[in-house]
Amino acid sequence: MKLVKTKAYILGVISLWLCTSCLDKYPSDAIPSNRAITTVEEANQAVIGIYADYKSSSLYSGNLTLLPDIQADLVYAVNGYTNVFGDVWRWSIKPTNEDIEAVYAALYKVIGDCNYFFEQIGKWENTLTDDDAYEKLQGYKGEVYFARALAYSELIKCFCKAYDPETAKNELGVVLVSKYTNAGKLERSSLYDSYDFVLKDLEKAEEALALDEDEEDDVLYNTPYFSYYAVKALQARVYLYMQDWEKAEECATEVIESDKYILSDVNTIYTGNYSYYDYMWQYDQSTEIIWKVGFTSTSYGGRLGQVFLNYDYVSYRPDYVPASWVLALYEANDLRYNAFFGQVTTGFSHGLTWPLLIKYHGNQDFMNSYNILHVSMPKVFRLSEQYLIRAEAYCRLKNYGSAAEDLTTLRKARYSSYGNAMLGEENWLDEISNERVRELYMEGFRLNDLKRWGKGFERKPQLESVTDGSSLKISADNPLFVWPIPQHEIDLPDADIQPNESN
């Protein structure tokens, strides 16, 4: 079905009201019942609202990206920090934690808006007689199926245990709501059924967003719209998390071999002093971006770089700085280091000098033209992750040679020279783990990676790190690898939502 690219960004970010259930959110367009979605154009506007939901600072431009990596072993809080996300960093997470609640609420906000869309168009879509209008509507439906699948996949990642095919039918999943009205009793499904729901939505999205012959030459990279290959990218990620190595490899391969995306090379200059790789982080544009959350200067979400820089045009006072072990992972010829980190003397009284995270310093157009600092467009799906997914899947299948080829391909796009990888039974997990840190640093993957690998970690104090939280040993079975279900959801009078061990 032809993907109709007629979306436009809407202004502002919708507020999230946490005083009511996260599962009972009104549509982002706030369309009252007497102004329901009745035409294809109104359906398009509803889809625009769903894209806008993903701009929320509780999601990819904020909490959903930052909290998992701050909670894990990638950063340290600095003496003098503002205590933002402090409970998460200290592993003192309660069911009433507002930052966690906000993630839960924002994801169910997306789901609620998707369900409202399906309920409304279901009343009239079969009456359409215009083939072009019907085709457009099917494309919109594909986008909404993908949006819902993505939201549920993130809920599962954050609020459920790692998937084990042997036990998944007996583990708690998420509350599956597929209707906007008369949704039924609110209770958690199994982990197996939760992922099955995601996969079925992705199947529908795949069919609706499949490319026609006349679209084969279309440019699909760097898009803020969901596409067929975004579907395949999420399928690859989900299958990896489900330990279905063959399907993870198959889906990742389809993305990689589509020739629609090209790794941004650190050795090829795009403009001025910027390589293609530098330009991706400085201007949020790249041939390897499969889907990004699209911002404009008047409609953007959170500030990913704020807690790592807190620049006030005079000095930097970061809340969090990179862990020294992370900095040591990058070899001298790995040019990701210079794109991600910059040595700065901070404005604190202790004058800490440290490589700060400049990866999210902010979109240069926003900074130079509008004085908007630390706002970067989240790059939710990139080609590099697909190489990492396929390499890990290959290793699980004991095809270490092919996995090494994938890591080598990725490194040659990131290293000034050399970059060959060597993998075998003894070292593959360490190599994959380290490469995921180097490539996906502070993009929200680390906590779940540790959880699904069954690995804990230990923090030891580093220069000017906050005492409370710097000495921490987390075992692989710590229940807080799975975030607590928000307490107000547990307490709903008409629901039977089971808590997690961390509640």
Protein backbone atom coordinates (compact mmCIF):
# COMPACT_ATOMS: atom_id res chain seq x y z
CA MET A 1 0.00 0.00 0.00
CA LYS A 2 1.40 3.37 -0.97
CA LEU A 3 2.55 5.43 2.01
CA VAL A 4 1.03 8.87 1.63
CA LYS A 5 3.40 11.48 3.01
CA THR A 6 1.01 14.31 3.76
CA LYS A 7 1.76 14.80 7.45
CA ALA A 8 2.66 18.17 8.91
CA TYR A 9 4.00 18.83 12.38
CA ILE A 10 1.47 20.24 14.83
CA LEU A 11 2.40 22.85 17.35
CA GLY A 12 3.05 22.14 20.98
CA VAL A 13 3.29 19.05 23.12
CA ILE A 14 0.20 17.55 24.73
CA SER A 15 0.16 17.67 28.53
CA LEU A 16 -0.05 14.41 30.47
CA TRP A 17 -2.44 14.40 33.42
CA LEU A 18 -1.32 11.79 35.93
CA CYS A 19 -4.21 12.28 38.34
CA THR A 20 -6.30 9.78 36.36
CA SER A 21 -5.45 6.36 35.04
CA CYS A 22 -2.73 6.23 32.42
CA LEU A 23 -4.99 3.85 30.51
CA ASP A 24 -7.81 6.38 30.23
CA LYS A 25 -6.41 9.22 28.14
CA TYR A 26 -8.42 11.44 25.85
CA PRO A 27 -7.22 11.68 22.23
CA SER A 28 -4.45 14.19 21.57
CA ASP A 29 -6.69 16.14 19.20
CA ALA A 30 -9.29 16.42 22.02
CA ILE A 31 -12.03 15.66 19.50
CA PRO A 32 -15.31 15.52 21.45
CA SER A 33 -17.87 12.84 20.61
CA ASN A 34 -19.88 15.21 18.43
CA ARG A 35 -16.78 15.93 16.33
CA ALA A 36 -15.61 12.41 15.68
CA ILE A 37 -13.27 11.35 12.89
CA THR A 38 -15.60 11.14 9.90
CA THR A 39 -13.42 11.71 6.82
CA VAL A 40 -10.08 10.58 5.44
CA GLU A 41 -8.65 14.07 5.99
CA GLU A 42 -9.75 13.99 9.62
CA ALA A 43 -8.13 10.57 9.90
CA ASN A 44 -4.94 12.16 8.61
CA GLN A 45 -5.17 14.84 11.29
CA ALA A 46 -5.60 12.17 13.95
CA VAL A 47 -2.45 10.44 12.72
CA ILE A 48 -0.63 13.77 12.97
CA GLY A 49 -1.74 13.86 16.59
CA ILE A 50 -0.25 10.41 17.19
CA TYR A 51 3.09 11.50 15.71
CA ALA A 52 2.90 14.50 18.05
CA ASP A 53 2.40 12.16 21.01
CA TYR A 54 5.87 10.77 20.33
CA LYS A 55 7.36 14.26 20.77
CA SER A 56 6.60 14.04 24.50
CA SER A 57 9.57 14.75 26.76
CA SER A 58 8.51 11.65 28.69
CA LEU A 59 9.39 9.50 25.68
CA TYR A 60 12.29 9.50 23.22
CA SER A 61 13.32 13.13 23.76
CA GLY A 62 13.49 12.59 27.51
CA ASN A 63 12.65 9.98 30.11
CA LEU A 64 12.28 6.88 27.94
CA THR A 65 15.73 7.45 26.44
CA LEU A 66 17.57 8.86 29.44
CA LEU A 67 16.29 6.93 32.47
CA PRO A 68 17.40 3.41 31.46
CA ASP A 69 20.97 4.53 30.75
CA ILE A 70 21.20 6.80 33.79
CA GLN A 71 19.96 3.93 35.96
CA ALA A 72 22.55 1.58 34.47
CA ASP A 73 26.33 1.96 34.52
CA LEU A 74 26.96 4.57 31.84
CA VAL A 75 27.08 7.85 33.83
CA TYR A 76 27.85 9.31 37.24
CA ALA A 77 26.06 12.09 39.09
CA VAL A 78 28.39 15.04 39.81
CA ASN A 79 28.80 16.83 43.13
CA GLY A 80 26.56 19.88 42.90
CA TYR A 81 24.02 18.27 40.58
CA THR A 82 20.34 19.22 40.77
CA ASN A 83 19.18 15.71 41.80
CA VAL A 84 17.17 15.39 38.60
CA PHE A 85 16.50 11.65 38.08
CA GLY A 86 18.40 11.12 41.34
CA ASP A 87 16.18 8.32 42.65
CA VAL A 88 16.59 6.43 39.40
CA TRP A 89 20.37 6.82 39.45
CA ARG A 90 20.53 5.65 43.10
CA TRP A 91 18.27 2.65 42.38
CA SER A 92 15.78 3.99 44.90
CA ILE A 93 12.77 3.71 42.60
CA LYS A 94 9.33 3.64 44.20
CA PRO A 95 5.97 2.91 42.53
CA THR A 96 5.18 6.61 43.00
CA ASN A 97 8.23 7.82 41.08
CA GLU A 98 6.91 10.57 38.82
CA ASP A 99 9.55 10.11 36.12
CA ILE A 100 8.61 6.44 35.70
CA GLU A 101 4.91 7.28 35.89
CA ALA A 102 5.38 9.77 33.07
CA VAL A 103 6.82 7.11 30.75
CA TYR A 104 3.95 4.74 31.52
CA ALA A 105 1.37 7.49 30.99
CA ALA A 106 2.86 8.77 27.75
CA LEU A 107 3.02 5.30 26.18
CA TYR A 108 -0.58 4.53 27.09
CA LYS A 109 -1.47 7.98 25.76
CA VAL A 110 -0.18 6.84 22.36
CA ILE A 111 -2.10 3.58 22.67
CA GLY A 112 -5.31 5.37 23.65
CA ASP A 113 -5.08 7.68 20.66
CA CYS A 114 -4.43 4.72 18.35
CA ASN A 115 -7.46 2.89 19.73
CA TYR A 116 -9.61 5.99 19.31
CA PHE A 117 -8.49 6.23 15.68
CA PHE A 118 -9.42 2.60 14.95
CA GLU A 119 -12.76 2.91 16.71
CA GLN A 120 -13.73 6.01 14.78
CA ILE A 121 -12.72 4.93 11.28
CA GLY A 122 -14.25 1.50 11.83
CA LYS A 123 -17.65 3.19 11.70
CA TRP A 124 -17.33 4.30 8.08
CA GLU A 125 -14.26 2.98 6.27
CA ASN A 126 -16.26 0.24 4.49
CA THR A 127 -18.52 2.89 2.98
CA LEU A 128 -15.70 4.52 1.01
CA THR A 129 -16.20 4.30 -2.75
CA ASP A 130 -13.22 6.41 -3.80
CA ASP A 131 -10.26 4.06 -4.39
CA ASP A 132 -7.67 6.77 -3.79
CA ALA A 133 -9.27 7.78 -0.49
CA TYR A 134 -9.48 4.14 0.59
CA GLU A 135 -5.80 3.61 -0.26
CA LYS A 136 -4.80 6.67 1.76
CA LEU A 137 -6.79 5.42 4.73
CA GLN A 138 -5.08 2.03 4.60
CA GLY A 139 -1.73 3.82 4.72
CA TYR A 140 -2.83 5.80 7.77
CA LYS A 141 -3.98 2.59 9.43
CA GLY A 142 -0.55 1.09 8.83
CA GLU A 143 1.09 4.04 10.55
CA VAL A 144 -1.23 3.71 13.53
CA TYR A 145 -0.70 -0.04 13.85
CA PHE A 146 3.03 0.66 13.95
CA ALA A 147 2.63 3.46 16.51
CA ARG A 148 0.68 1.16 18.80
CA ALA A 149 3.13 -1.71 18.39
CA LEU A 150 6.05 0.58 19.17
CA ALA A 151 4.39 1.90 22.33
CA TYR A 152 3.59 -1.60 23.58
CA SER A 153 7.11 -2.81 22.79
CA GLU A 154 8.54 -0.04 24.97
CA LEU A 155 6.13 -0.81 27.82
CA ILE A 156 7.18 -4.44 27.70
CA LYS A 157 10.87 -3.49 27.66
CA CYS A 158 10.54 -1.26 30.72
CA PHE A 159 7.89 -2.94 32.86
CA CYS A 160 8.39 -6.67 32.19
CA LYS A 161 11.07 -9.26 32.76
CA ALA A 162 13.38 -10.35 29.97
CA TYR A 163 11.69 -12.78 27.59
CA ASP A 164 12.42 -16.47 28.01
CA PRO A 165 10.56 -18.68 25.51
CA GLU A 166 10.31 -21.43 28.13
CA THR A 167 8.55 -19.28 30.74
CA ALA A 168 6.97 -16.39 28.81
CA LYS A 169 3.42 -17.75 29.05
CA ASN A 170 3.70 -17.70 32.84
CA GLU A 171 5.33 -14.28 33.22
CA LEU A 172 3.49 -10.98 33.60
CA GLY A 173 3.20 -8.85 30.50
CA VAL A 174 1.39 -5.53 30.14
CA VAL A 175 -2.23 -4.44 30.16
CA LEU A 176 -3.38 -4.95 26.58
CA VAL A 177 -6.07 -2.47 25.58
CA SER A 178 -7.25 -2.58 21.98
CA LYS A 179 -10.52 -0.65 22.34
CA TYR A 180 -11.07 2.98 23.25
CA THR A 181 -14.54 2.50 24.73
CA ASN A 182 -15.71 -0.59 26.59
CA ALA A 183 -12.10 -1.72 26.90
CA GLY A 184 -12.97 -4.45 29.37
CA LYS A 185 -11.35 -5.29 32.67
CA LEU A 186 -7.87 -3.88 33.16
CA GLU A 187 -5.50 -6.72 33.95
CA ARG A 188 -2.07 -7.78 32.79
CA SER A 189 -1.70 -10.31 30.02
CA SER A 190 1.12 -12.81 29.89
CA LEU A 191 4.48 -11.76 28.51
CA TYR A 192 3.93 -14.19 25.62
CA ASP A 193 0.56 -12.66 24.73
CA SER A 194 1.95 -9.14 25.07
CA TYR A 195 4.67 -9.74 22.50
CA ASP A 196 2.21 -11.64 20.31
CA PHE A 197 0.00 -8.54 20.27
CA VAL A 198 2.96 -6.42 19.15
CA LEU A 199 3.87 -8.86 16.38
CA LYS A 200 0.30 -8.98 15.07
CA ASP A 201 0.13 -5.18 14.93
CA LEU A 202 3.44 -5.17 13.07
CA GLU A 203 2.13 -7.71 10.57
CA LYS A 204 -0.78 -5.37 9.79
CA ALA A 205 1.55 -2.39 9.56
CA GLU A 206 3.89 -4.33 7.26
CA GLU A 207 1.06 -5.14 4.87
CA ALA A 208 -0.30 -1.60 4.83
CA LEU A 209 3.08 0.11 4.42
CA ALA A 210 4.58 -2.29 1.88
CA LEU A 211 6.13 -0.46 -1.06
CA ASP A 212 4.48 -0.49 -4.46
CA GLU A 213 6.63 -1.01 -7.55
CA ASP A 214 6.57 2.70 -8.34
CA GLU A 215 7.93 3.45 -4.87
CA GLU A 216 11.00 1.23 -5.10
CA ASP A 217 13.21 4.20 -5.92
CA ASP A 218 11.77 6.48 -3.22
CA VAL A 219 14.15 7.97 -0.66
CA LEU A 220 13.18 6.59 2.74
CA TYR A 221 16.08 7.58 4.98
CA ASN A 222 16.02 10.48 7.45
CA THR A 223 12.24 10.42 7.65
CA PRO A 224 9.95 11.48 10.51
CA TYR A 225 7.27 9.14 9.15
CA PHE A 226 6.80 5.44 9.76
CA SER A 227 7.72 3.27 6.81
CA TYR A 228 7.89 -0.36 5.77
CA TYR A 229 11.52 -0.57 6.85
CA ALA A 230 10.75 0.97 10.24
CA VAL A 231 8.39 -1.98 10.66
CA LYS A 232 11.16 -4.42 9.76
CA ALA A 233 13.58 -2.64 12.10
CA LEU A 234 11.20 -2.95 15.03
CA GLN A 235 10.49 -6.57 14.16
CA ALA A 236 14.23 -7.27 14.22
CA ARG A 237 14.53 -5.62 17.64
CA VAL A 238 11.52 -7.45 19.07
CA TYR A 239 12.63 -10.83 17.75
CA LEU A 240 16.07 -10.27 19.29
CA TYR A 241 14.45 -9.54 22.66
CA MET A 242 12.29 -12.67 22.22
CA GLN A 243 15.37 -14.81 21.52
CA ASP A 244 14.10 -15.71 18.07
CA TRP A 245 17.53 -15.42 16.51
CA GLU A 246 16.58 -16.62 13.03
CA LYS A 247 13.78 -14.07 12.60
CA ALA A 248 15.88 -11.29 14.12
CA GLU A 249 18.59 -12.01 11.58
CA GLU A 250 16.05 -12.23 8.74
CA CYS A 251 14.39 -8.89 9.51
CA ALA A 252 17.66 -7.06 10.12
CA THR A 253 19.01 -8.44 6.85
CA GLU A 254 16.00 -7.12 4.94
CA VAL A 255 16.71 -3.62 6.25
CA ILE A 256 20.46 -3.84 5.67
CA GLU A 257 20.18 -5.26 2.16
CA SER A 258 17.36 -2.94 1.10
CA ASP A 259 19.95 -0.39 -0.09
CA LYS A 260 17.67 2.31 1.29
CA TYR A 261 20.10 3.27 4.05
CA ILE A 262 23.84 3.93 4.21
CA LEU A 263 26.00 4.10 7.35
CA SER A 264 27.18 7.66 7.94
CA ASP A 265 30.94 7.57 7.45
CA VAL A 266 33.34 9.42 9.76
CA ASN A 267 35.90 9.58 6.96
CA THR A 268 33.75 11.29 4.34
CA ILE A 269 33.25 15.03 4.60
CA TYR A 270 29.68 16.19 4.02
CA THR A 271 30.08 19.94 4.41
CA GLY A 272 32.62 22.24 5.99
CA ASN A 273 34.40 20.39 8.78
CA TYR A 274 31.54 17.93 9.32
CA SER A 275 31.78 14.32 8.28
CA TYR A 276 28.57 12.51 7.44
CA TYR A 277 28.66 11.03 10.94
CA ASP A 278 29.23 14.39 12.66
CA TYR A 279 26.44 15.94 10.62
CA MET A 280 23.98 13.32 11.87
CA TRP A 281 24.43 14.51 15.46
CA GLN A 282 24.87 18.21 14.71
CA TYR A 283 21.91 18.60 12.34
CA ASP A 284 19.82 15.44 12.89
CA GLN A 285 20.09 14.39 9.25
CA SER A 286 21.60 11.17 7.98
CA THR A 287 21.36 8.45 5.38
CA GLU A 288 21.29 5.84 8.17
CA ILE A 289 18.25 7.17 10.03
CA ILE A 290 15.28 4.84 9.52
CA TRP A 291 12.89 6.84 11.71
CA LYS A 292 13.40 9.93 13.82
CA VAL A 293 10.99 12.01 15.89
CA GLY A 294 10.63 15.12 13.78
CA PHE A 295 10.99 18.51 15.48
CA THR A 296 10.71 22.07 14.26
CA SER A 297 11.81 25.25 16.00
CA THR A 298 8.22 25.83 17.11
CA SER A 299 7.25 22.23 17.85
CA TYR A 300 9.74 20.07 19.69
CA GLY A 301 9.90 17.81 22.72
CA GLY A 302 12.39 17.52 25.54
CA ARG A 303 16.04 18.50 25.74
CA LEU A 304 18.12 15.33 25.64
CA GLY A 305 21.35 17.21 26.33
CA GLN A 306 20.18 19.25 29.30
CA VAL A 307 21.27 16.95 32.14
CA PHE A 308 24.67 16.33 30.51
CA LEU A 309 25.52 19.99 29.91
CA ASN A 310 23.22 22.56 31.54
CA TYR A 311 24.94 25.24 29.51
CA ASP A 312 23.79 28.77 30.33
CA TYR A 313 25.97 30.60 27.76
CA VAL A 314 28.58 31.08 30.48
CA SER A 315 29.52 27.65 31.81
CA TYR A 316 28.57 24.00 31.91
CA ARG A 317 27.18 22.45 35.10
CA PRO A 318 26.26 18.88 34.12
CA ASP A 319 24.13 16.70 36.35
CA TYR A 320 25.73 13.56 34.89
CA VAL A 321 29.07 12.84 33.24
CA PRO A 322 30.22 9.74 31.34
CA ALA A 323 31.62 6.82 33.31
CA SER A 324 35.39 6.54 32.96
CA TRP A 325 35.09 2.89 31.86
CA VAL A 326 32.91 3.97 28.95
CA LEU A 327 35.41 6.58 27.82
CA ALA A 328 38.15 3.96 27.94
CA LEU A 329 36.22 1.68 25.54
CA TYR A 330 36.90 3.95 22.57
CA GLU A 331 40.17 3.34 20.75
CA ALA A 332 42.25 6.25 19.50
CA ASN A 333 41.09 5.72 15.91
CA ASP A 334 37.39 5.52 16.88
CA LEU A 335 36.04 8.89 15.77
CA ARG A 336 32.76 8.38 17.60
CA TYR A 337 34.61 9.61 20.68
CA ASN A 338 35.12 13.11 19.29
CA ALA A 339 31.52 13.23 18.06
CA PHE A 340 30.16 12.21 21.46
CA PHE A 341 32.49 13.75 24.04
CA GLY A 342 34.25 17.07 24.59
CA GLN A 343 36.71 17.98 27.33
CA VAL A 344 35.26 20.83 29.42
CA THR A 345 36.12 22.54 32.69
CA THR A 346 32.78 22.80 34.47
CA GLY A 347 31.40 25.82 36.31
CA PHE A 348 31.15 24.03 39.65
CA SER A 349 33.21 25.32 42.57
CA HIS A 350 35.27 22.11 42.41
CA GLY A 351 36.11 22.92 38.77
CA LEU A 352 35.82 19.36 37.48
CA THR A 353 37.40 18.95 34.07
CA TRP A 354 35.92 15.96 32.26
CA PRO A 355 34.80 14.77 28.82
CA LEU A 356 31.14 15.82 28.78
CA LEU A 357 28.50 14.29 26.52
CA ILE A 358 28.18 16.70 23.58
CA LYS A 359 26.30 14.19 21.41
CA TYR A 360 23.11 16.00 22.43
CA HIS A 361 24.47 19.55 22.58
CA GLY A 362 21.64 20.39 20.23
CA ASN A 363 20.54 20.82 16.65
CA GLN A 364 22.78 23.53 15.17
CA ASP A 365 19.95 25.15 13.23
CA PHE A 366 17.87 25.46 16.41
CA MET A 367 20.85 26.82 18.36
CA ASN A 368 22.15 29.30 15.80
CA SER A 369 18.82 30.66 14.57
CA TYR A 370 16.59 30.41 17.64
CA ASN A 371 18.88 30.04 20.68
CA ILE A 372 17.27 26.68 21.46
CA LEU A 373 19.86 24.66 23.36
CA HIS A 374 20.23 20.92 23.91
CA VAL A 375 17.33 19.89 21.67
CA SER A 376 18.14 16.98 19.35
CA MET A 377 15.72 14.90 17.30
CA PRO A 378 15.63 11.35 18.69
CA LYS A 379 16.87 8.84 16.14
CA VAL A 380 14.80 5.88 17.27
CA PHE A 381 15.80 3.49 14.49
CA ARG A 382 19.18 3.62 12.77
CA LEU A 383 20.89 1.25 10.37
CA SER A 384 23.76 0.73 12.83
CA GLU A 385 21.43 -0.92 15.34
CA GLN A 386 20.34 -3.36 12.66
CA TYR A 387 23.98 -4.41 12.14
CA LEU A 388 24.31 -4.89 15.90
CA ILE A 389 21.09 -6.91 16.06
CA ARG A 390 22.18 -9.14 13.21
CA ALA A 391 25.66 -9.60 14.65
CA GLU A 392 24.23 -10.70 17.99
CA ALA A 393 21.75 -13.02 16.30
CA TYR A 394 24.56 -14.54 14.24
CA CYS A 395 26.56 -15.16 17.42
CA ARG A 396 23.61 -16.87 19.06
CA LEU A 397 23.48 -19.10 15.98
CA LYS A 398 27.26 -19.68 16.30
CA ASN A 399 27.93 -17.96 12.99
CA TYR A 400 30.78 -15.90 14.39
CA GLY A 401 32.35 -15.15 11.02
CA SER A 402 29.28 -13.34 9.70
CA ALA A 403 28.90 -11.51 13.02
CA ALA A 404 32.51 -10.32 12.78
CA GLU A 405 31.84 -9.05 9.25
CA ASP A 406 28.91 -6.96 10.51
CA LEU A 407 30.93 -5.43 13.35
CA THR A 408 33.79 -4.75 10.94
CA THR A 409 31.41 -3.01 8.51
CA LEU A 410 30.11 -0.82 11.34
CA ARG A 411 33.56 -0.02 12.71
CA LYS A 412 34.96 0.92 9.30
CA ALA A 413 32.25 3.59 9.13
CA ARG A 414 33.29 4.84 12.58
CA TYR A 415 37.09 4.37 12.69
CA SER A 416 39.66 6.51 10.92
CA SER A 417 41.53 3.31 10.06
CA TYR A 418 41.50 -0.42 10.68
CA GLY A 419 38.40 -1.57 12.65
CA ASN A 420 38.44 -5.30 11.94
CA ALA A 421 36.54 -7.42 14.48
CA MET A 422 37.33 -10.96 15.56
CA LEU A 423 34.61 -12.96 17.32
CA GLY A 424 34.44 -16.43 18.77
CA GLU A 425 32.61 -18.44 21.38
CA GLU A 426 34.68 -17.04 24.24
CA ASN A 427 34.57 -13.32 23.47
CA TRP A 428 31.46 -12.60 21.40
CA LEU A 429 29.22 -11.34 24.22
CA ASP A 430 31.86 -8.95 25.54
CA GLU A 431 32.51 -7.66 22.03
CA ILE A 432 28.82 -7.19 21.23
CA SER A 433 28.19 -5.58 24.62
CA ASN A 434 31.07 -3.13 24.23
CA GLU A 435 30.12 -2.26 20.66
CA ARG A 436 26.53 -1.55 21.68
CA VAL A 437 27.82 0.84 24.37
CA ARG A 438 30.15 2.60 21.92
CA GLU A 439 27.54 2.94 19.20
CA LEU A 440 24.31 3.42 21.19
CA TYR A 441 25.62 5.41 24.15
CA MET A 442 22.79 7.18 26.01
CA GLU A 443 20.13 6.09 23.52
CA GLY A 444 18.19 4.08 26.08
CA PHE A 445 19.32 0.49 25.45
CA ARG A 446 21.73 -0.34 28.27
CA LEU A 447 19.39 -1.32 31.14
CA ASN A 448 17.43 -3.71 28.96
CA ASP A 449 20.61 -5.14 27.46
CA LEU A 450 21.93 -5.98 30.91
CA LYS A 451 18.55 -7.43 31.88
CA ARG A 452 18.25 -9.70 28.86
CA TRP A 453 21.88 -10.82 29.12
CA GLY A 454 21.48 -11.60 32.82
CA LYS A 455 24.30 -9.26 33.81
CA GLY A 456 24.65 -6.97 36.83
CA PHE A 457 27.20 -4.20 37.32
CA GLU A 458 29.20 -2.34 39.92
CA ARG A 459 29.84 1.37 40.32
CA LYS A 460 32.99 2.65 41.99
CA PRO A 461 33.48 6.34 42.76
CA GLN A 462 35.13 8.52 40.15
CA LEU A 463 36.33 12.10 40.32
CA GLU A 464 33.74 14.40 41.96
CA SER A 465 30.97 11.82 41.77
CA VAL A 466 28.15 12.03 44.30
CA THR A 467 28.79 9.73 47.27
CA ASP A 468 25.24 8.36 47.45
CA GLY A 469 25.04 6.11 44.40
CA SER A 470 28.69 6.01 43.33
CA SER A 471 29.42 2.88 45.35
CA LEU A 472 26.78 0.46 44.15
CA LYS A 473 26.75 -3.21 43.29
CA ILE A 474 23.71 -4.41 41.38
CA SER A 475 23.16 -8.13 40.91
CA ALA A 476 21.55 -9.53 37.78
CA ASP A 477 18.46 -10.58 39.74
CA ASN A 478 17.76 -7.13 41.21
CA PRO A 479 13.99 -6.59 40.81
CA LEU A 480 14.49 -2.96 39.76
CA PHE A 481 15.73 -4.06 36.36
CA VAL A 482 11.95 -4.19 35.87
CA TRP A 483 10.35 -0.85 36.69
CA PRO A 484 7.45 -0.82 39.16
CA ILE A 485 3.92 -0.41 37.83
CA PRO A 486 2.74 3.08 38.91
CA GLN A 487 0.95 2.82 42.23
CA HIS A 488 -2.12 4.74 41.09
CA GLU A 489 -2.67 2.08 38.42
CA ILE A 490 -2.48 -0.70 41.02
CA ASP A 491 -4.99 1.20 43.20
CA LEU A 492 -7.64 1.69 40.51
CA PRO A 493 -10.94 0.45 42.00
CA ASP A 494 -12.17 -1.32 38.85
CA ALA A 495 -8.86 -2.86 37.81
CA ASP A 496 -6.89 -5.95 38.72
CA ILE A 497 -3.39 -4.93 37.69
CA GLN A 498 -0.77 -7.12 39.34
CA PRO A 499 2.36 -5.36 40.62
CA ASN A 500 5.95 -6.20 39.80
CA GLU A 501 8.45 -7.45 42.35
CA SER A 502 9.82 -3.92 42.47
CA ASN A 503 6.47 -2.44 43.57
